[in-house]
Amino acid sequence: MLHNEARKLPAEAYEQTRDAQTAAKYFRMSRNTAYRLSMQMKRTGSADLQTSQRGRKPALTEEDLREIDRLIMARPNITVDEIIEKQGLSVSNETV
């Protein structure tokens, strides 16, 4: 895995030469990697690793969470099953 500085250099080389094959050969990577890093840099302004896009995405939206808070404030003794039913959520109650 390349560190962030090593990701920036081939992207810049590709931008200057418009030759992914040469940039890839010089930095010992695939042509597609050099091209992809360049496109990422053009799109986001950075060739850094995008760690924020890793992992499982949340099952509940911010609006879902706000509505659950409202339900709990209105009825503090509400059960998880009742919340799921009232909100029509597509999550399961796997509390143990």
PDB file of N, CA and C in Angstrom:
ATOM      1  N   MET A   1       0.847  -1.177   0.000  1.00  0.00           N
ATOM      2  CA  MET A   1       0.000   0.000   0.000  1.00  0.00           C
ATOM      3  C   MET A   1       0.894   1.242   0.000  1.00  0.00           C
ATOM      4  N   LEU A   2       0.517   2.194  -0.793  1.00  0.00           N
ATOM      5  CA  LEU A   2       1.296   3.426  -0.921  1.00  0.00           C
ATOM      6  C   LEU A   2       0.901   4.439   0.147  1.00  0.00           C
ATOM      7  N   HIS A   3       1.888   5.115   0.726  1.00  0.00           N
ATOM      8  CA  HIS A   3       1.552   6.203   1.645  1.00  0.00           C
ATOM      9  C   HIS A   3       1.133   7.415   0.804  1.00  0.00           C
ATOM     10  N   ASN A   4       0.575   8.412   1.444  1.00  0.00           N
ATOM     11  CA  ASN A   4      -0.045   9.519   0.724  1.00  0.00           C
ATOM     12  C   ASN A   4       0.910  10.272  -0.204  1.00  0.00           C
ATOM     13  N   GLU A   5       2.160  10.492   0.206  1.00  0.00           N
ATOM     14  CA  GLU A   5       3.106  11.200  -0.675  1.00  0.00           C
ATOM     15  C   GLU A   5       3.409  10.369  -1.917  1.00  0.00           C
ATOM     16  N   ALA A   6       3.542   9.058  -1.729  1.00  0.00           N
ATOM     17  CA  ALA A   6       3.830   8.177  -2.859  1.00  0.00           C
ATOM     18  C   ALA A   6       2.641   8.075  -3.807  1.00  0.00           C
ATOM     19  N   ARG A   7       1.455   8.383  -3.368  1.00  0.00           N
ATOM     20  CA  ARG A   7       0.270   8.375  -4.226  1.00  0.00           C
ATOM     21  C   ARG A   7       0.187   9.666  -5.038  1.00  0.00           C
ATOM     22  N   LYS A   8       0.695  10.735  -4.469  1.00  0.00           N
ATOM     23  CA  LYS A   8       0.614  12.046  -5.122  1.00  0.00           C
ATOM     24  C   LYS A   8       1.578  12.145  -6.314  1.00  0.00           C
ATOM     25  N   LEU A   9       2.779  11.601  -6.179  1.00  0.00           N
ATOM     26  CA  LEU A   9       3.803  11.742  -7.215  1.00  0.00           C
ATOM     27  C   LEU A   9       3.409  11.137  -8.568  1.00  0.00           C
ATOM     28  N   PRO A  10       2.915   9.881  -8.616  1.00  0.00           N
ATOM     29  CA  PRO A  10       2.528   9.355  -9.928  1.00  0.00           C
ATOM     30  C   PRO A  10       1.343  10.096 -10.540  1.00  0.00           C
ATOM     31  N   ALA A  11       0.450  10.593  -9.696  1.00  0.00           N
ATOM     32  CA  ALA A  11      -0.685  11.365 -10.210  1.00  0.00           C
ATOM     33  C   ALA A  11      -0.192  12.647 -10.871  1.00  0.00           C
ATOM     34  N   GLU A  12       0.752  13.303 -10.222  1.00  0.00           N
ATOM     35  CA  GLU A  12       1.322  14.526 -10.805  1.00  0.00           C
ATOM     36  C   GLU A  12       2.112  14.223 -12.072  1.00  0.00           C
ATOM     37  N   ALA A  13       2.846  13.105 -12.078  1.00  0.00           N
ATOM     38  CA  ALA A  13       3.611  12.722 -13.269  1.00  0.00           C
ATOM     39  C   ALA A  13       2.673  12.460 -14.441  1.00  0.00           C
ATOM     40  N   TYR A  14       1.580  11.797 -14.192  1.00  0.00           N
ATOM     41  CA  TYR A  14       0.613  11.539 -15.256  1.00  0.00           C
ATOM     42  C   TYR A  14       0.024  12.846 -15.781  1.00  0.00           C
ATOM     43  N   GLU A  15      -0.307  13.761 -14.884  1.00  0.00           N
ATOM     44  CA  GLU A  15      -0.861  15.053 -15.293  1.00  0.00           C
ATOM     45  C   GLU A  15       0.109  15.823 -16.194  1.00  0.00           C
ATOM     46  N   GLN A  16       1.390  15.751 -15.897  1.00  0.00           N
ATOM     47  CA  GLN A  16       2.388  16.481 -16.686  1.00  0.00           C
ATOM     48  C   GLN A  16       2.640  15.831 -18.039  1.00  0.00           C
ATOM     49  N   THR A  17       2.690  14.503 -18.069  1.00  0.00           N
ATOM     50  CA  THR A  17       3.060  13.810 -19.306  1.00  0.00           C
ATOM     51  C   THR A  17       1.873  13.302 -20.101  1.00  0.00           C
ATOM     52  N   ARG A  18       0.733  13.111 -19.450  1.00  0.00           N
ATOM     53  CA  ARG A  18      -0.436  12.497 -20.071  1.00  0.00           C
ATOM     54  C   ARG A  18      -0.104  11.101 -20.603  1.00  0.00           C
ATOM     55  N   ASP A  19       0.847  10.443 -19.944  1.00  0.00           N
ATOM     56  CA  ASP A  19       1.274   9.105 -20.342  1.00  0.00           C
ATOM     57  C   ASP A  19       1.268   8.208 -19.106  1.00  0.00           C
ATOM     58  N   ALA A  20       0.166   7.498 -18.915  1.00  0.00           N
ATOM     59  CA  ALA A  20       0.015   6.643 -17.731  1.00  0.00           C
ATOM     60  C   ALA A  20       1.031   5.511 -17.738  1.00  0.00           C
ATOM     61  N   GLN A  21       1.357   5.005 -18.911  1.00  0.00           N
ATOM     62  CA  GLN A  21       2.302   3.896 -19.004  1.00  0.00           C
ATOM     63  C   GLN A  21       3.680   4.297 -18.477  1.00  0.00           C
ATOM     64  N   THR A  22       4.162   5.468 -18.874  1.00  0.00           N
ATOM     65  CA  THR A  22       5.470   5.946 -18.424  1.00  0.00           C
ATOM     66  C   THR A  22       5.459   6.236 -16.928  1.00  0.00           C
ATOM     67  N   ALA A  23       4.411   6.908 -16.457  1.00  0.00           N
ATOM     68  CA  ALA A  23       4.301   7.210 -15.026  1.00  0.00           C
ATOM     69  C   ALA A  23       4.261   5.916 -14.220  1.00  0.00           C
ATOM     70  N   ALA A  24       3.513   4.945 -14.704  1.00  0.00           N
ATOM     71  CA  ALA A  24       3.404   3.667 -14.005  1.00  0.00           C
ATOM     72  C   ALA A  24       4.742   2.941 -13.970  1.00  0.00           C
ATOM     73  N   LYS A  25       5.440   2.939 -15.079  1.00  0.00           N
ATOM     74  CA  LYS A  25       6.731   2.250 -15.143  1.00  0.00           C
ATOM     75  C   LYS A  25       7.737   2.915 -14.206  1.00  0.00           C
ATOM     76  N   TYR A  26       7.777   4.227 -14.204  1.00  0.00           N
ATOM     77  CA  TYR A  26       8.710   4.973 -13.368  1.00  0.00           C
ATOM     78  C   TYR A  26       8.456   4.732 -11.882  1.00  0.00           C
ATOM     79  N   PHE A  27       7.186   4.659 -11.491  1.00  0.00           N
ATOM     80  CA  PHE A  27       6.826   4.481 -10.078  1.00  0.00           C
ATOM     81  C   PHE A  27       6.510   3.030  -9.725  1.00  0.00           C
ATOM     82  N   ARG A  28       6.755   2.121 -10.668  1.00  0.00           N
ATOM     83  CA  ARG A  28       6.573   0.680 -10.456  1.00  0.00           C
ATOM     84  C   ARG A  28       5.172   0.337  -9.960  1.00  0.00           C
ATOM     85  N   MET A  29       4.209   0.699 -10.755  1.00  0.00           N
ATOM     86  CA  MET A  29       2.812   0.391 -10.453  1.00  0.00           C
ATOM     87  C   MET A  29       2.094   0.121 -11.769  1.00  0.00           C
ATOM     88  N   SER A  30       0.882  -0.327 -11.688  1.00  0.00           N
ATOM     89  CA  SER A  30       0.130  -0.586 -12.904  1.00  0.00           C
ATOM     90  C   SER A  30      -0.291   0.736 -13.551  1.00  0.00           C
ATOM     91  N   ARG A  31      -0.515   0.673 -14.833  1.00  0.00           N
ATOM     92  CA  ARG A  31      -0.970   1.841 -15.588  1.00  0.00           C
ATOM     93  C   ARG A  31      -2.315   2.318 -15.040  1.00  0.00           C
ATOM     94  N   ASN A  32      -3.186   1.370 -14.709  1.00  0.00           N
ATOM     95  CA  ASN A  32      -4.502   1.728 -14.177  1.00  0.00           C
ATOM     96  C   ASN A  32      -4.399   2.456 -12.843  1.00  0.00           C
ATOM     97  N   THR A  33      -3.447   2.060 -12.004  1.00  0.00           N
ATOM     98  CA  THR A  33      -3.271   2.735 -10.717  1.00  0.00           C
ATOM     99  C   THR A  33      -2.832   4.178 -10.922  1.00  0.00           C
ATOM    100  N   ALA A  34      -1.887   4.400 -11.819  1.00  0.00           N
ATOM    101  CA  ALA A  34      -1.433   5.768 -12.101  1.00  0.00           C
ATOM    102  C   ALA A  34      -2.589   6.616 -12.626  1.00  0.00           C
ATOM    103  N   TYR A  35      -3.360   6.049 -13.524  1.00  0.00           N
ATOM    104  CA  TYR A  35      -4.511   6.767 -14.085  1.00  0.00           C
ATOM    105  C   TYR A  35      -5.562   7.039 -13.006  1.00  0.00           C
ATOM    106  N   ARG A  36      -5.882   6.014 -12.194  1.00  0.00           N
ATOM    107  CA  ARG A  36      -6.891   6.164 -11.140  1.00  0.00           C
ATOM    108  C   ARG A  36      -6.496   7.228 -10.122  1.00  0.00           C
ATOM    109  N   LEU A  37      -5.220   7.247  -9.731  1.00  0.00           N
ATOM    110  CA  LEU A  37      -4.749   8.261  -8.783  1.00  0.00           C
ATOM    111  C   LEU A  37      -4.869   9.656  -9.368  1.00  0.00           C
ATOM    112  N   SER A  38      -4.567   9.761 -10.649  1.00  0.00           N
ATOM    113  CA  SER A  38      -4.694  11.062 -11.317  1.00  0.00           C
ATOM    114  C   SER A  38      -6.152  11.523 -11.352  1.00  0.00           C
ATOM    115  N   MET A  39      -7.053  10.607 -11.669  1.00  0.00           N
ATOM    116  CA  MET A  39      -8.479  10.960 -11.717  1.00  0.00           C
ATOM    117  C   MET A  39      -8.997  11.322 -10.327  1.00  0.00           C
ATOM    118  N   GLN A  40      -8.527  10.607  -9.294  1.00  0.00           N
ATOM    119  CA  GLN A  40      -8.924  10.930  -7.923  1.00  0.00           C
ATOM    120  C   GLN A  40      -8.434  12.325  -7.555  1.00  0.00           C
ATOM    121  N   MET A  41      -7.201  12.638  -7.936  1.00  0.00           N
ATOM    122  CA  MET A  41      -6.637  13.949  -7.618  1.00  0.00           C
ATOM    123  C   MET A  41      -7.410  15.055  -8.337  1.00  0.00           C
ATOM    124  N   LYS A  42      -7.789  14.787  -9.560  1.00  0.00           N
ATOM    125  CA  LYS A  42      -8.559  15.769 -10.324  1.00  0.00           C
ATOM    126  C   LYS A  42      -9.945  15.970  -9.708  1.00  0.00           C
ATOM    127  N   ARG A  43     -10.569  14.861  -9.273  1.00  0.00           N
ATOM    128  CA  ARG A  43     -11.927  14.907  -8.734  1.00  0.00           C
ATOM    129  C   ARG A  43     -11.980  15.506  -7.333  1.00  0.00           C
ATOM    130  N   THR A  44     -11.012  15.139  -6.466  1.00  0.00           N
ATOM    131  CA  THR A  44     -11.090  15.540  -5.057  1.00  0.00           C
ATOM    132  C   THR A  44     -10.032  16.557  -4.641  1.00  0.00           C
ATOM    133  N   GLY A  45      -9.014  16.740  -5.495  1.00  0.00           N
ATOM    134  CA  GLY A  45      -7.926  17.640  -5.142  1.00  0.00           C
ATOM    135  C   GLY A  45      -6.840  16.969  -4.326  1.00  0.00           C
ATOM    136  N   SER A  46      -6.975  15.656  -4.126  1.00  0.00           N
ATOM    137  CA  SER A  46      -6.007  14.919  -3.314  1.00  0.00           C
ATOM    138  C   SER A  46      -5.927  13.473  -3.791  1.00  0.00           C
ATOM    139  N   ALA A  47      -4.733  12.908  -3.709  1.00  0.00           N
ATOM    140  CA  ALA A  47      -4.553  11.490  -4.038  1.00  0.00           C
ATOM    141  C   ALA A  47      -4.455  10.654  -2.764  1.00  0.00           C
ATOM    142  N   ASP A  48      -4.738  11.259  -1.617  1.00  0.00           N
ATOM    143  CA  ASP A  48      -4.640  10.564  -0.331  1.00  0.00           C
ATOM    144  C   ASP A  48      -5.606   9.388  -0.263  1.00  0.00           C
ATOM    145  N   LEU A  49      -5.281   8.431   0.612  1.00  0.00           N
ATOM    146  CA  LEU A  49      -6.182   7.320   0.859  1.00  0.00           C
ATOM    147  C   LEU A  49      -7.525   7.855   1.330  1.00  0.00           C
ATOM    148  N   GLN A  50      -8.591   7.255   0.876  1.00  0.00           N
ATOM    149  CA  GLN A  50      -9.929   7.697   1.256  1.00  0.00           C
ATOM    150  C   GLN A  50     -10.496   6.753   2.309  1.00  0.00           C
ATOM    151  N   THR A  51      -9.962   6.873   3.505  1.00  0.00           N
ATOM    152  CA  THR A  51     -10.363   5.962   4.580  1.00  0.00           C
ATOM    153  C   THR A  51     -11.780   6.227   5.064  1.00  0.00           C
ATOM    154  N   SER A  52     -12.316   7.402   4.827  1.00  0.00           N
ATOM    155  CA  SER A  52     -13.666   7.712   5.298  1.00  0.00           C
ATOM    156  C   SER A  52     -14.724   6.919   4.547  1.00  0.00           C
ATOM    157  N   GLN A  53     -14.363   6.348   3.421  1.00  0.00           N
ATOM    158  CA  GLN A  53     -15.335   5.599   2.633  1.00  0.00           C
ATOM    159  C   GLN A  53     -15.296   4.108   2.927  1.00  0.00           C
ATOM    160  N   ARG A  54     -14.509   3.712   3.900  1.00  0.00           N
ATOM    161  CA  ARG A  54     -14.390   2.302   4.249  1.00  0.00           C
ATOM    162  C   ARG A  54     -15.470   1.896   5.232  1.00  0.00           C
ATOM    163  N   GLY A  55     -15.685   0.613   5.315  1.00  0.00           N
ATOM    164  CA  GLY A  55     -16.561   0.061   6.339  1.00  0.00           C
ATOM    165  C   GLY A  55     -18.020   0.022   5.951  1.00  0.00           C
ATOM    166  N   ARG A  56     -18.771  -0.535   6.834  1.00  0.00           N
ATOM    167  CA  ARG A  56     -20.202  -0.706   6.627  1.00  0.00           C
ATOM    168  C   ARG A  56     -20.916   0.631   6.769  1.00  0.00           C
ATOM    169  N   LYS A  57     -21.842   0.881   5.894  1.00  0.00           N
ATOM    170  CA  LYS A  57     -22.613   2.114   5.940  1.00  0.00           C
ATOM    171  C   LYS A  57     -23.719   1.988   6.984  1.00  0.00           C
ATOM    172  N   PRO A  58     -24.093   3.086   7.642  1.00  0.00           N
ATOM    173  CA  PRO A  58     -25.119   3.041   8.680  1.00  0.00           C
ATOM    174  C   PRO A  58     -26.474   2.580   8.127  1.00  0.00           C
ATOM    175  N   ALA A  59     -27.188   1.764   8.903  1.00  0.00           N
ATOM    176  CA  ALA A  59     -28.511   1.291   8.497  1.00  0.00           C
ATOM    177  C   ALA A  59     -29.565   2.370   8.698  1.00  0.00           C
ATOM    178  N   LEU A  60     -29.314   3.294   9.627  1.00  0.00           N
ATOM    179  CA  LEU A  60     -30.270   4.351   9.939  1.00  0.00           C
ATOM    180  C   LEU A  60     -29.734   5.707   9.502  1.00  0.00           C
ATOM    181  N   THR A  61     -30.610   6.503   8.923  1.00  0.00           N
ATOM    182  CA  THR A  61     -30.216   7.849   8.510  1.00  0.00           C
ATOM    183  C   THR A  61     -30.270   8.784   9.717  1.00  0.00           C
ATOM    184  N   GLU A  62     -29.751   9.980   9.535  1.00  0.00           N
ATOM    185  CA  GLU A  62     -29.815  10.990  10.606  1.00  0.00           C
ATOM    186  C   GLU A  62     -31.270  11.295  10.961  1.00  0.00           C
ATOM    187  N   GLU A  63     -32.129  11.334   9.956  1.00  0.00           N
ATOM    188  CA  GLU A  63     -33.550  11.610  10.203  1.00  0.00           C
ATOM    189  C   GLU A  63     -34.178  10.465  11.005  1.00  0.00           C
ATOM    190  N   ASP A  64     -33.821   9.213  10.691  1.00  0.00           N
ATOM    191  CA  ASP A  64     -34.302   8.072  11.466  1.00  0.00           C
ATOM    192  C   ASP A  64     -33.913   8.219  12.935  1.00  0.00           C
ATOM    193  N   LEU A  65     -32.665   8.568  13.180  1.00  0.00           N
ATOM    194  CA  LEU A  65     -32.175   8.709  14.553  1.00  0.00           C
ATOM    195  C   LEU A  65     -32.882   9.844  15.297  1.00  0.00           C
ATOM    196  N   ARG A  66     -33.144  10.955  14.601  1.00  0.00           N
ATOM    197  CA  ARG A  66     -33.869  12.071  15.235  1.00  0.00           C
ATOM    198  C   ARG A  66     -35.290  11.647  15.599  1.00  0.00           C
ATOM    199  N   GLU A  67     -35.929  10.904  14.701  1.00  0.00           N
ATOM    200  CA  GLU A  67     -37.299  10.457  14.960  1.00  0.00           C
ATOM    201  C   GLU A  67     -37.336   9.462  16.117  1.00  0.00           C
ATOM    202  N   ILE A  68     -36.355   8.601  16.207  1.00  0.00           N
ATOM    203  CA  ILE A  68     -36.265   7.660  17.333  1.00  0.00           C
ATOM    204  C   ILE A  68     -36.091   8.427  18.639  1.00  0.00           C
ATOM    205  N   ASP A  69     -35.257   9.467  18.624  1.00  0.00           N
ATOM    206  CA  ASP A  69     -35.091  10.314  19.821  1.00  0.00           C
ATOM    207  C   ASP A  69     -36.423  10.930  20.229  1.00  0.00           C
ATOM    208  N   ARG A  70     -37.191  11.411  19.253  1.00  0.00           N
ATOM    209  CA  ARG A  70     -38.503  12.017  19.553  1.00  0.00           C
ATOM    210  C   ARG A  70     -39.443  11.000  20.173  1.00  0.00           C
ATOM    211  N   LEU A  71     -39.438   9.787  19.612  1.00  0.00           N
ATOM    212  CA  LEU A  71     -40.305   8.739  20.168  1.00  0.00           C
ATOM    213  C   LEU A  71     -39.933   8.421  21.614  1.00  0.00           C
ATOM    214  N   ILE A  72     -38.654   8.329  21.886  1.00  0.00           N
ATOM    215  CA  ILE A  72     -38.188   8.005  23.238  1.00  0.00           C
ATOM    216  C   ILE A  72     -38.507   9.140  24.206  1.00  0.00           C
ATOM    217  N   MET A  73     -38.351  10.373  23.762  1.00  0.00           N
ATOM    218  CA  MET A  73     -38.688  11.523  24.627  1.00  0.00           C
ATOM    219  C   MET A  73     -40.183  11.542  24.930  1.00  0.00           C
ATOM    220  N   ALA A  74     -41.013  11.200  23.964  1.00  0.00           N
ATOM    221  CA  ALA A  74     -42.460  11.197  24.170  1.00  0.00           C
ATOM    222  C   ALA A  74     -42.899  10.016  25.030  1.00  0.00           C
ATOM    223  N   ARG A  75     -42.236   8.881  24.848  1.00  0.00           N
ATOM    224  CA  ARG A  75     -42.589   7.667  25.599  1.00  0.00           C
ATOM    225  C   ARG A  75     -41.321   6.966  26.046  1.00  0.00           C
ATOM    226  N   PRO A  76     -40.778   7.328  27.203  1.00  0.00           N
ATOM    227  CA  PRO A  76     -39.506   6.772  27.668  1.00  0.00           C
ATOM    228  C   PRO A  76     -39.506   5.245  27.841  1.00  0.00           C
ATOM    229  N   ASN A  77     -40.685   4.642  28.023  1.00  0.00           N
ATOM    230  CA  ASN A  77     -40.744   3.193  28.218  1.00  0.00           C
ATOM    231  C   ASN A  77     -41.034   2.426  26.923  1.00  0.00           C
ATOM    232  N   ILE A  78     -40.896   3.046  25.787  1.00  0.00           N
ATOM    233  CA  ILE A  78     -41.154   2.389  24.506  1.00  0.00           C
ATOM    234  C   ILE A  78     -40.115   1.296  24.269  1.00  0.00           C
ATOM    235  N   THR A  79     -40.539   0.195  23.674  1.00  0.00           N
ATOM    236  CA  THR A  79     -39.613  -0.920  23.435  1.00  0.00           C
ATOM    237  C   THR A  79     -38.955  -0.771  22.060  1.00  0.00           C
ATOM    238  N   VAL A  80     -37.872  -1.493  21.880  1.00  0.00           N
ATOM    239  CA  VAL A  80     -37.170  -1.484  20.590  1.00  0.00           C
ATOM    240  C   VAL A  80     -38.098  -1.994  19.493  1.00  0.00           C
ATOM    241  N   ASP A  81     -38.847  -3.051  19.782  1.00  0.00           N
ATOM    242  CA  ASP A  81     -39.767  -3.603  18.790  1.00  0.00           C
ATOM    243  C   ASP A  81     -40.830  -2.580  18.387  1.00  0.00           C
ATOM    244  N   GLU A  82     -41.324  -1.807  19.344  1.00  0.00           N
ATOM    245  CA  GLU A  82     -42.325  -0.775  19.035  1.00  0.00           C
ATOM    246  C   GLU A  82     -41.720   0.323  18.168  1.00  0.00           C
ATOM    247  N   ILE A  83     -40.488   0.694  18.449  1.00  0.00           N
ATOM    248  CA  ILE A  83     -39.810   1.715  17.631  1.00  0.00           C
ATOM    249  C   ILE A  83     -39.657   1.214  16.197  1.00  0.00           C
ATOM    250  N   ILE A  84     -39.205  -0.020  16.058  1.00  0.00           N
ATOM    251  CA  ILE A  84     -39.029  -0.604  14.719  1.00  0.00           C
ATOM    252  C   ILE A  84     -40.355  -0.608  13.967  1.00  0.00           C
ATOM    253  N   GLU A  85     -41.423  -1.010  14.652  1.00  0.00           N
ATOM    254  CA  GLU A  85     -42.743  -1.078  14.024  1.00  0.00           C
ATOM    255  C   GLU A  85     -43.264   0.312  13.658  1.00  0.00           C
ATOM    256  N   LYS A  86     -43.202   1.264  14.599  1.00  0.00           N
ATOM    257  CA  LYS A  86     -43.712   2.614  14.341  1.00  0.00           C
ATOM    258  C   LYS A  86     -42.970   3.311  13.205  1.00  0.00           C
ATOM    259  N   GLN A  87     -41.671   3.092  13.138  1.00  0.00           N
ATOM    260  CA  GLN A  87     -40.846   3.754  12.120  1.00  0.00           C
ATOM    261  C   GLN A  87     -40.802   2.980  10.805  1.00  0.00           C
ATOM    262  N   GLY A  88     -41.256   1.742  10.814  1.00  0.00           N
ATOM    263  CA  GLY A  88     -41.179   0.931   9.613  1.00  0.00           C
ATOM    264  C   GLY A  88     -39.746   0.690   9.187  1.00  0.00           C
ATOM    265  N   LEU A  89     -38.889   0.490  10.165  1.00  0.00           N
ATOM    266  CA  LEU A  89     -37.455   0.326   9.885  1.00  0.00           C
ATOM    267  C   LEU A  89     -37.160  -1.082   9.381  1.00  0.00           C
ATOM    268  N   SER A  90     -36.185  -1.173   8.524  1.00  0.00           N
ATOM    269  CA  SER A  90     -35.776  -2.479   7.987  1.00  0.00           C
ATOM    270  C   SER A  90     -34.528  -2.961   8.734  1.00  0.00           C
ATOM    271  N   VAL A  91     -34.628  -2.959  10.057  1.00  0.00           N
ATOM    272  CA  VAL A  91     -33.547  -3.470  10.909  1.00  0.00           C
ATOM    273  C   VAL A  91     -34.146  -4.523  11.812  1.00  0.00           C
ATOM    274  N   SER A  92     -33.300  -5.380  12.352  1.00  0.00           N
ATOM    275  CA  SER A  92     -33.811  -6.420  13.235  1.00  0.00           C
ATOM    276  C   SER A  92     -33.453  -6.100  14.675  1.00  0.00           C
ATOM    277  N   ASN A  93     -34.210  -6.650  15.588  1.00  0.00           N
ATOM    278  CA  ASN A  93     -33.954  -6.487  17.013  1.00  0.00           C
ATOM    279  C   ASN A  93     -33.159  -7.704  17.453  1.00  0.00           C
ATOM    280  N   GLU A  94     -31.852  -7.578  17.446  1.00  0.00           N
ATOM    281  CA  GLU A  94     -30.992  -8.695  17.839  1.00  0.00           C
ATOM    282  C   GLU A  94     -30.339  -8.416  19.181  1.00  0.00           C
ATOM    283  N   THR A  95     -31.095  -7.808  20.083  1.00  0.00           N
ATOM    284  CA  THR A  95     -30.532  -7.552  21.417  1.00  0.00           C
ATOM    285  C   THR A  95     -30.507  -8.872  22.176  1.00  0.00           C
ATOM    286  N   VAL A  96     -29.457  -9.055  22.924  1.00  0.00           N
ATOM    287  CA  VAL A  96     -29.301 -10.309  23.655  1.00  0.00           C
ATOM    288  C   VAL A  96     -29.304 -10.043  25.143  1.00  0.00           C
TER     289      VAL A  96
END
